[in-house]
Amino acid sequence: MDWNLEQQLAIRTLVAALLGGVIGLERLWQRREAGVRTYASVAMGACVFSLISQHIPGGDPARLAAGIVTGIGFLGAGAIVQRGAKAHGLTTAATIWVTAAIGTAVGFGLYGLSIVSTIVVVLILVAHYVPWLHPSDPPENRRE
């Protein structure tokens, strides 16, 4: 067993969980259904699957990445609830999906892309609560 490789894989896994957790913190602060544990787990799981696909004989990282997208789509679909004419949970589903992408990117060693993506996602989420960005939208309507 190559301990240097194992250490690199462990660091990638921790980075993925950390970045997912950052997104989850914002969702937790906004009292959303999914929080730190969900987002950290999604990012870490996507990262681990990416790492596995790269280190097993005959593994196909592209096929595995496609499987992650599909699987996370089902998880995100479970977050969407229809109440009357309105759908709720779309932002949660989208952020779960992008968090899986971030975890996958970390798994492939794309740290810069992962960090920038995490920052952009958090900024998008936080921008929704900036009053001057929604001057005609009353605060009670500014939910997912």
N, C-alpha and C. Protein backbone atom coordinates (compact mmCIF):
# COMPACT_ATOMS: atom_id res chain seq x y z
N MET A 1 0.85 -1.18 0.00
CA MET A 1 0.00 0.00 0.00
C MET A 1 0.89 1.24 0.00
N ASP A 2 0.58 2.18 -0.88
CA ASP A 2 1.33 3.42 -1.01
C ASP A 2 0.74 4.46 -0.05
N TRP A 3 1.45 4.72 1.05
CA TRP A 3 0.92 5.63 2.08
C TRP A 3 0.87 7.07 1.62
N ASN A 4 1.78 7.45 0.72
CA ASN A 4 1.71 8.82 0.18
C ASN A 4 0.43 9.02 -0.63
N LEU A 5 0.09 8.02 -1.44
CA LEU A 5 -1.14 8.08 -2.21
C LEU A 5 -2.35 8.10 -1.29
N GLU A 6 -2.34 7.23 -0.29
CA GLU A 6 -3.46 7.19 0.66
C GLU A 6 -3.63 8.54 1.36
N GLN A 7 -2.52 9.17 1.70
CA GLN A 7 -2.58 10.49 2.35
C GLN A 7 -3.19 11.53 1.41
N GLN A 8 -2.80 11.51 0.14
CA GLN A 8 -3.35 12.45 -0.84
C GLN A 8 -4.86 12.24 -1.01
N LEU A 9 -5.28 10.98 -1.04
CA LEU A 9 -6.70 10.68 -1.20
C LEU A 9 -7.48 11.13 0.03
N ALA A 10 -6.90 10.92 1.20
CA ALA A 10 -7.56 11.35 2.43
C ALA A 10 -7.70 12.87 2.47
N ILE A 11 -6.68 13.58 2.02
CA ILE A 11 -6.74 15.05 1.99
C ILE A 11 -7.83 15.51 1.03
N ARG A 12 -7.92 14.88 -0.12
CA ARG A 12 -8.98 15.24 -1.07
C ARG A 12 -10.36 15.00 -0.46
N THR A 13 -10.50 13.90 0.22
CA THR A 13 -11.78 13.60 0.85
C THR A 13 -12.14 14.64 1.90
N LEU A 14 -11.17 15.04 2.71
CA LEU A 14 -11.42 16.06 3.73
C LEU A 14 -11.73 17.41 3.11
N VAL A 15 -11.02 17.77 2.04
CA VAL A 15 -11.29 19.04 1.36
C VAL A 15 -12.71 19.05 0.79
N ALA A 16 -13.12 17.95 0.19
CA ALA A 16 -14.48 17.87 -0.36
C ALA A 16 -15.52 18.04 0.75
N ALA A 17 -15.32 17.34 1.86
CA ALA A 17 -16.27 17.45 2.98
C ALA A 17 -16.29 18.89 3.51
N LEU A 18 -15.15 19.52 3.60
CA LEU A 18 -15.07 20.90 4.08
C LEU A 18 -15.81 21.86 3.15
N LEU A 19 -15.58 21.75 1.85
CA LEU A 19 -16.24 22.64 0.90
C LEU A 19 -17.76 22.40 0.90
N GLY A 20 -18.18 21.15 0.95
CA GLY A 20 -19.60 20.87 1.05
C GLY A 20 -20.18 21.43 2.33
N GLY A 21 -19.42 21.32 3.42
CA GLY A 21 -19.86 21.85 4.71
C GLY A 21 -20.03 23.36 4.70
N VAL A 22 -19.20 24.06 3.94
CA VAL A 22 -19.32 25.52 3.83
C VAL A 22 -20.66 25.88 3.19
N ILE A 23 -21.02 25.17 2.14
CA ILE A 23 -22.32 25.41 1.51
C ILE A 23 -23.44 25.04 2.49
N GLY A 24 -23.27 23.94 3.19
CA GLY A 24 -24.26 23.51 4.17
C GLY A 24 -24.44 24.50 5.30
N LEU A 25 -23.38 25.20 5.69
CA LEU A 25 -23.50 26.21 6.74
C LEU A 25 -24.46 27.33 6.33
N GLU A 26 -24.34 27.76 5.08
CA GLU A 26 -25.24 28.81 4.61
C GLU A 26 -26.69 28.30 4.66
N ARG A 27 -26.92 27.07 4.25
CA ARG A 27 -28.27 26.51 4.26
C ARG A 27 -28.78 26.35 5.69
N LEU A 28 -27.88 25.99 6.59
CA LEU A 28 -28.25 25.86 8.00
C LEU A 28 -28.65 27.22 8.56
N TRP A 29 -27.87 28.26 8.25
CA TRP A 29 -28.17 29.61 8.74
C TRP A 29 -29.53 30.11 8.22
N GLN A 30 -29.90 29.63 7.03
CA GLN A 30 -31.19 30.04 6.47
C GLN A 30 -32.31 29.07 6.86
N ARG A 31 -31.99 28.15 7.77
CA ARG A 31 -32.97 27.19 8.31
C ARG A 31 -33.62 26.35 7.21
N ARG A 32 -32.79 25.84 6.32
CA ARG A 32 -33.28 24.99 5.24
C ARG A 32 -33.25 23.52 5.66
N GLU A 33 -33.94 22.71 4.89
CA GLU A 33 -34.07 21.30 5.22
C GLU A 33 -32.72 20.59 5.28
N ALA A 34 -31.90 20.83 4.29
CA ALA A 34 -30.58 20.19 4.22
C ALA A 34 -29.55 21.16 4.78
N GLY A 35 -28.61 20.63 5.53
CA GLY A 35 -27.61 21.49 6.17
C GLY A 35 -26.21 20.94 6.02
N VAL A 36 -25.38 21.22 7.00
CA VAL A 36 -23.97 20.88 6.95
C VAL A 36 -23.75 19.39 6.70
N ARG A 37 -24.43 18.55 7.44
CA ARG A 37 -24.21 17.10 7.29
C ARG A 37 -24.56 16.62 5.89
N THR A 38 -25.67 17.11 5.36
CA THR A 38 -26.09 16.67 4.03
C THR A 38 -25.10 17.10 2.96
N TYR A 39 -24.75 18.38 2.97
CA TYR A 39 -23.87 18.90 1.92
C TYR A 39 -22.45 18.34 2.04
N ALA A 40 -21.95 18.22 3.25
CA ALA A 40 -20.61 17.63 3.44
C ALA A 40 -20.61 16.18 2.97
N SER A 41 -21.67 15.44 3.27
CA SER A 41 -21.76 14.04 2.87
C SER A 41 -21.86 13.89 1.36
N VAL A 42 -22.64 14.75 0.72
CA VAL A 42 -22.79 14.69 -0.74
C VAL A 42 -21.44 14.96 -1.41
N ALA A 43 -20.75 16.01 -0.99
CA ALA A 43 -19.46 16.35 -1.59
C ALA A 43 -18.44 15.24 -1.33
N MET A 44 -18.40 14.75 -0.11
CA MET A 44 -17.44 13.70 0.22
C MET A 44 -17.74 12.42 -0.55
N GLY A 45 -19.02 12.05 -0.64
CA GLY A 45 -19.38 10.83 -1.37
C GLY A 45 -19.01 10.92 -2.84
N ALA A 46 -19.28 12.06 -3.46
CA ALA A 46 -18.92 12.25 -4.86
C ALA A 46 -17.41 12.18 -5.04
N CYS A 47 -16.69 12.76 -4.10
CA CYS A 47 -15.22 12.72 -4.13
C CYS A 47 -14.71 11.28 -4.02
N VAL A 48 -15.23 10.54 -3.07
CA VAL A 48 -14.77 9.16 -2.87
C VAL A 48 -15.07 8.31 -4.10
N PHE A 49 -16.27 8.45 -4.68
CA PHE A 49 -16.56 7.71 -5.90
C PHE A 49 -15.60 8.09 -7.02
N SER A 50 -15.27 9.37 -7.13
CA SER A 50 -14.31 9.81 -8.15
C SER A 50 -12.94 9.20 -7.92
N LEU A 51 -12.51 9.17 -6.69
CA LEU A 51 -11.21 8.59 -6.35
C LEU A 51 -11.18 7.09 -6.66
N ILE A 52 -12.25 6.41 -6.30
CA ILE A 52 -12.32 4.97 -6.57
C ILE A 52 -12.23 4.71 -8.06
N SER A 53 -12.95 5.50 -8.86
CA SER A 53 -12.97 5.27 -10.31
C SER A 53 -11.59 5.43 -10.93
N GLN A 54 -10.76 6.25 -10.31
CA GLN A 54 -9.41 6.50 -10.84
C GLN A 54 -8.40 5.44 -10.40
N HIS A 55 -8.73 4.68 -9.38
CA HIS A 55 -7.73 3.78 -8.79
C HIS A 55 -8.11 2.31 -8.82
N ILE A 56 -9.14 1.96 -9.57
CA ILE A 56 -9.44 0.55 -9.74
C ILE A 56 -9.12 0.16 -11.18
N PRO A 57 -8.62 -1.03 -11.37
CA PRO A 57 -8.30 -1.47 -12.73
C PRO A 57 -9.54 -1.46 -13.61
N GLY A 58 -9.44 -0.86 -14.75
CA GLY A 58 -10.56 -0.81 -15.70
C GLY A 58 -11.62 0.22 -15.34
N GLY A 59 -11.35 1.03 -14.32
CA GLY A 59 -12.31 2.06 -13.93
C GLY A 59 -12.45 3.12 -15.01
N ASP A 60 -13.64 3.63 -15.17
CA ASP A 60 -13.90 4.66 -16.17
C ASP A 60 -14.42 5.91 -15.45
N PRO A 61 -13.54 6.86 -15.18
CA PRO A 61 -13.95 8.06 -14.45
C PRO A 61 -15.11 8.82 -15.10
N ALA A 62 -15.18 8.85 -16.41
CA ALA A 62 -16.26 9.57 -17.08
C ALA A 62 -17.61 8.90 -16.81
N ARG A 63 -17.64 7.60 -16.87
CA ARG A 63 -18.90 6.89 -16.59
C ARG A 63 -19.31 7.07 -15.14
N LEU A 64 -18.34 7.05 -14.27
CA LEU A 64 -18.67 7.23 -12.86
C LEU A 64 -19.20 8.64 -12.60
N ALA A 65 -18.58 9.64 -13.21
CA ALA A 65 -19.06 11.02 -13.05
C ALA A 65 -20.50 11.13 -13.55
N ALA A 66 -20.82 10.47 -14.65
CA ALA A 66 -22.19 10.48 -15.17
C ALA A 66 -23.14 9.81 -14.18
N GLY A 67 -22.67 8.75 -13.53
CA GLY A 67 -23.49 8.08 -12.52
C GLY A 67 -23.74 8.96 -11.31
N ILE A 68 -22.75 9.75 -10.93
CA ILE A 68 -22.92 10.68 -9.81
C ILE A 68 -24.00 11.71 -10.15
N VAL A 69 -23.93 12.26 -11.36
CA VAL A 69 -24.92 13.26 -11.78
C VAL A 69 -26.32 12.67 -11.72
N THR A 70 -26.48 11.46 -12.21
CA THR A 70 -27.80 10.81 -12.22
C THR A 70 -28.28 10.52 -10.80
N GLY A 71 -27.42 9.94 -9.99
CA GLY A 71 -27.80 9.60 -8.62
C GLY A 71 -28.16 10.81 -7.79
N ILE A 72 -27.38 11.86 -7.92
CA ILE A 72 -27.66 13.07 -7.16
C ILE A 72 -28.93 13.73 -7.66
N GLY A 73 -29.24 13.55 -8.94
CA GLY A 73 -30.50 14.07 -9.47
C GLY A 73 -31.69 13.47 -8.73
N PHE A 74 -31.62 12.19 -8.42
CA PHE A 74 -32.70 11.56 -7.67
C PHE A 74 -32.77 12.10 -6.25
N LEU A 75 -31.62 12.32 -5.62
CA LEU A 75 -31.60 12.88 -4.28
C LEU A 75 -32.20 14.29 -4.29
N GLY A 76 -31.81 15.08 -5.27
CA GLY A 76 -32.34 16.44 -5.38
C GLY A 76 -33.84 16.44 -5.65
N ALA A 77 -34.30 15.49 -6.46
CA ALA A 77 -35.73 15.42 -6.76
C ALA A 77 -36.54 15.17 -5.48
N GLY A 78 -35.95 14.45 -4.55
CA GLY A 78 -36.63 14.21 -3.28
C GLY A 78 -36.75 15.45 -2.42
N ALA A 79 -35.94 16.46 -2.72
CA ALA A 79 -35.99 17.71 -1.95
C ALA A 79 -37.06 18.66 -2.46
N ILE A 80 -37.57 18.40 -3.65
CA ILE A 80 -38.56 19.29 -4.26
C ILE A 80 -39.96 18.86 -3.84
N VAL A 81 -40.72 19.83 -3.33
CA VAL A 81 -42.09 19.59 -2.88
C VAL A 81 -43.00 20.56 -3.59
N GLN A 82 -44.11 20.08 -4.08
CA GLN A 82 -45.09 20.95 -4.73
C GLN A 82 -46.22 21.25 -3.75
N ARG A 83 -46.46 22.53 -3.54
CA ARG A 83 -47.57 22.99 -2.69
C ARG A 83 -48.44 23.90 -3.53
N GLY A 84 -49.57 23.38 -3.96
CA GLY A 84 -50.43 24.16 -4.83
C GLY A 84 -49.74 24.41 -6.15
N ALA A 85 -49.70 25.68 -6.54
CA ALA A 85 -49.08 26.05 -7.81
C ALA A 85 -47.59 26.31 -7.67
N LYS A 86 -47.06 26.26 -6.46
CA LYS A 86 -45.65 26.59 -6.22
C LYS A 86 -44.84 25.34 -5.90
N ALA A 87 -43.62 25.34 -6.40
CA ALA A 87 -42.67 24.28 -6.07
C ALA A 87 -41.66 24.83 -5.07
N HIS A 88 -41.38 24.08 -4.03
CA HIS A 88 -40.41 24.48 -3.01
C HIS A 88 -39.28 23.46 -3.01
N GLY A 89 -38.10 23.94 -2.67
CA GLY A 89 -36.96 23.05 -2.58
C GLY A 89 -36.08 23.03 -3.83
N LEU A 90 -36.39 23.88 -4.80
CA LEU A 90 -35.60 23.90 -6.03
C LEU A 90 -34.16 24.33 -5.76
N THR A 91 -33.99 25.33 -4.92
CA THR A 91 -32.64 25.78 -4.59
C THR A 91 -31.88 24.70 -3.84
N THR A 92 -32.56 24.02 -2.92
CA THR A 92 -31.91 22.92 -2.20
C THR A 92 -31.48 21.84 -3.18
N ALA A 93 -32.35 21.47 -4.11
CA ALA A 93 -32.00 20.44 -5.09
C ALA A 93 -30.81 20.88 -5.95
N ALA A 94 -30.83 22.14 -6.38
CA ALA A 94 -29.74 22.65 -7.22
C ALA A 94 -28.43 22.70 -6.46
N THR A 95 -28.47 23.10 -5.20
CA THR A 95 -27.22 23.18 -4.44
C THR A 95 -26.69 21.80 -4.07
N ILE A 96 -27.58 20.84 -3.88
CA ILE A 96 -27.12 19.46 -3.67
C ILE A 96 -26.41 18.98 -4.93
N TRP A 97 -26.98 19.28 -6.07
CA TRP A 97 -26.41 18.87 -7.36
C TRP A 97 -25.04 19.51 -7.58
N VAL A 98 -24.94 20.82 -7.37
CA VAL A 98 -23.65 21.50 -7.59
C VAL A 98 -22.62 21.08 -6.54
N THR A 99 -23.08 20.75 -5.34
CA THR A 99 -22.15 20.27 -4.30
C THR A 99 -21.55 18.93 -4.70
N ALA A 100 -22.33 18.08 -5.35
CA ALA A 100 -21.79 16.82 -5.86
C ALA A 100 -20.74 17.09 -6.94
N ALA A 101 -21.00 18.09 -7.78
CA ALA A 101 -20.03 18.46 -8.81
C ALA A 101 -18.73 18.95 -8.18
N ILE A 102 -18.85 19.73 -7.11
CA ILE A 102 -17.66 20.23 -6.41
C ILE A 102 -16.88 19.06 -5.81
N GLY A 103 -17.58 18.14 -5.18
CA GLY A 103 -16.92 16.96 -4.63
C GLY A 103 -16.23 16.13 -5.70
N THR A 104 -16.87 16.00 -6.85
CA THR A 104 -16.27 15.27 -7.97
C THR A 104 -15.02 15.98 -8.45
N ALA A 105 -15.08 17.29 -8.55
CA ALA A 105 -13.91 18.07 -8.98
C ALA A 105 -12.75 17.89 -8.00
N VAL A 106 -13.03 17.90 -6.70
CA VAL A 106 -11.97 17.67 -5.72
C VAL A 106 -11.38 16.27 -5.91
N GLY A 107 -12.25 15.29 -6.15
CA GLY A 107 -11.78 13.93 -6.37
C GLY A 107 -10.81 13.82 -7.54
N PHE A 108 -11.02 14.66 -8.55
CA PHE A 108 -10.13 14.66 -9.70
C PHE A 108 -8.96 15.64 -9.53
N GLY A 109 -8.83 16.22 -8.34
CA GLY A 109 -7.70 17.09 -8.05
C GLY A 109 -7.84 18.52 -8.53
N LEU A 110 -9.03 18.94 -8.89
CA LEU A 110 -9.26 20.29 -9.39
C LEU A 110 -9.62 21.21 -8.23
N TYR A 111 -8.64 21.48 -7.40
CA TYR A 111 -8.87 22.26 -6.18
C TYR A 111 -9.30 23.70 -6.46
N GLY A 112 -8.64 24.36 -7.39
CA GLY A 112 -8.98 25.75 -7.71
C GLY A 112 -10.42 25.88 -8.17
N LEU A 113 -10.81 25.01 -9.10
CA LEU A 113 -12.18 25.01 -9.59
C LEU A 113 -13.16 24.75 -8.45
N SER A 114 -12.82 23.84 -7.59
CA SER A 114 -13.71 23.49 -6.47
C SER A 114 -13.88 24.65 -5.50
N ILE A 115 -12.80 25.31 -5.17
CA ILE A 115 -12.86 26.42 -4.22
C ILE A 115 -13.62 27.60 -4.83
N VAL A 116 -13.31 27.93 -6.07
CA VAL A 116 -14.02 29.04 -6.74
C VAL A 116 -15.50 28.71 -6.85
N SER A 117 -15.82 27.48 -7.21
CA SER A 117 -17.24 27.08 -7.34
C SER A 117 -17.96 27.19 -6.00
N THR A 118 -17.31 26.79 -4.93
CA THR A 118 -17.91 26.89 -3.60
C THR A 118 -18.19 28.35 -3.25
N ILE A 119 -17.24 29.21 -3.51
CA ILE A 119 -17.43 30.64 -3.22
C ILE A 119 -18.58 31.20 -4.03
N VAL A 120 -18.64 30.85 -5.32
CA VAL A 120 -19.71 31.37 -6.18
C VAL A 120 -21.07 30.86 -5.70
N VAL A 121 -21.16 29.60 -5.34
CA VAL A 121 -22.44 29.05 -4.84
C VAL A 121 -22.88 29.79 -3.59
N VAL A 122 -21.97 29.98 -2.64
CA VAL A 122 -22.32 30.68 -1.41
C VAL A 122 -22.75 32.12 -1.72
N LEU A 123 -22.05 32.78 -2.62
CA LEU A 123 -22.44 34.15 -3.00
C LEU A 123 -23.83 34.18 -3.65
N ILE A 124 -24.11 33.21 -4.49
CA ILE A 124 -25.44 33.13 -5.10
C ILE A 124 -26.51 32.95 -4.03
N LEU A 125 -26.25 32.07 -3.08
CA LEU A 125 -27.22 31.81 -2.02
C LEU A 125 -27.41 33.03 -1.12
N VAL A 126 -26.33 33.69 -0.77
CA VAL A 126 -26.40 34.86 0.11
C VAL A 126 -27.03 36.05 -0.62
N ALA A 127 -26.78 36.18 -1.91
CA ALA A 127 -27.33 37.31 -2.68
C ALA A 127 -28.85 37.31 -2.65
N HIS A 128 -29.44 36.17 -2.49
CA HIS A 128 -30.90 36.08 -2.45
C HIS A 128 -31.48 36.86 -1.26
N TYR A 129 -30.69 37.06 -0.23
CA TYR A 129 -31.17 37.73 0.98
C TYR A 129 -30.71 39.18 1.09
N VAL A 130 -30.12 39.71 0.03
CA VAL A 130 -29.73 41.11 0.00
C VAL A 130 -30.93 41.91 -0.49
N PRO A 131 -31.50 42.79 0.36
CA PRO A 131 -32.75 43.48 0.02
C PRO A 131 -32.71 44.28 -1.28
N TRP A 132 -31.63 44.98 -1.55
CA TRP A 132 -31.61 45.83 -2.73
C TRP A 132 -31.53 45.06 -4.04
N LEU A 133 -31.29 43.75 -3.97
CA LEU A 133 -31.30 42.93 -5.19
C LEU A 133 -32.72 42.52 -5.57
N HIS A 134 -33.66 42.65 -4.63
CA HIS A 134 -35.06 42.27 -4.85
C HIS A 134 -35.98 43.40 -4.38
N PRO A 135 -35.85 44.61 -4.94
CA PRO A 135 -36.62 45.74 -4.41
C PRO A 135 -38.13 45.58 -4.53
N SER A 136 -38.62 44.87 -5.53
CA SER A 136 -40.06 44.75 -5.70
C SER A 136 -40.62 43.46 -5.10
N ASP A 137 -39.76 42.64 -4.55
CA ASP A 137 -40.19 41.35 -4.01
C ASP A 137 -40.27 41.45 -2.48
N PRO A 138 -41.47 41.32 -1.89
CA PRO A 138 -41.57 41.41 -0.43
C PRO A 138 -40.77 40.29 0.25
N PRO A 139 -40.23 40.55 1.43
CA PRO A 139 -39.39 39.56 2.11
C PRO A 139 -40.06 38.19 2.30
N GLU A 140 -41.35 38.15 2.53
CA GLU A 140 -42.02 36.87 2.76
C GLU A 140 -42.04 36.00 1.50
N ASN A 141 -41.81 36.59 0.33
CA ASN A 141 -41.79 35.82 -0.91
C ASN A 141 -40.37 35.38 -1.29
N ARG A 142 -39.38 35.80 -0.55
CA ARG A 142 -38.00 35.51 -0.88
C ARG A 142 -37.54 34.19 -0.31
N ARG A 143 -38.24 33.17 -0.57
CA ARG A 143 -37.88 31.82 -0.14
C ARG A 143 -37.59 31.01 -1.39
N GLU A 144 -37.22 29.78 -1.21
CA GLU A 144 -36.93 28.90 -2.35
C GLU A 144 -38.11 28.77 -3.25
